[in-house]
Amino acid sequence: MIFLIISLVILGLIGTLIIIKSVKRKSKIKKEINKGKVKIKLDTDVEGFAEVKRFNRDKYIEETFNQIFHAIQVDEWLASFSYGYFEFNKDKIKLKIDYSDYDNFKIKSITLTSGYSNYNYRSDLDESVYRFFYNVYANYIKKENEDLKKATDASLVEINKVLGKSTIRDSKIDQLLDSI
């Protein structure tokens, strides 16, 4: 019986030593992995090496453009026009809209400038923003047409004064004689 108890104690000690040795071996392997001594096959998924998401610059710039479009509408930035484009300016920021108005109004490009950096809008434009830019363009052209008509009327008044009433009377007589 004593022999059996001694055998069991010895077996228990051997089992405990084996377990301690395997634990030490695993910790040694982990230390080697941390030190870079373990080799990993190429093109395999390895735990602990997850993908790092890349910064999407185009999406970020598009969001900035949308914020600028909103600010222009809400804060009523003033537009300055030139042939084929108009610009909205505030502080050191400039939004330039290149357009064509042959047959229909078409926005060709949108450029945002801040300092020496230029950013081009590459996405599809929301209809409400497109309509806003069209309305800015249409209001400018209508005002320009009104101003041109007033200037023309003012110059015609001066011309009619120079010609005098006799010239106007003669042209009316000619019209009456032609109609007979």
Foldseek 3Di string as FASTA:
>chain_A
DVVVVVVVVVVVVVVVVVVVVVVVVVVVVVVCVVVVNDDDDPPDDDPPDDDDDDDDPLVVVLVVVVVVLVCCVVVVFDWDDDPQWIWGDDDQKIWIFGWDPDVHIDTDWIWIDHPHDIDTNDDDDDPVSVVVVVVSVVVVVVVVVVVVVVVVVVVVVVVDVVVDPVVVVVVVVVVVVVVD
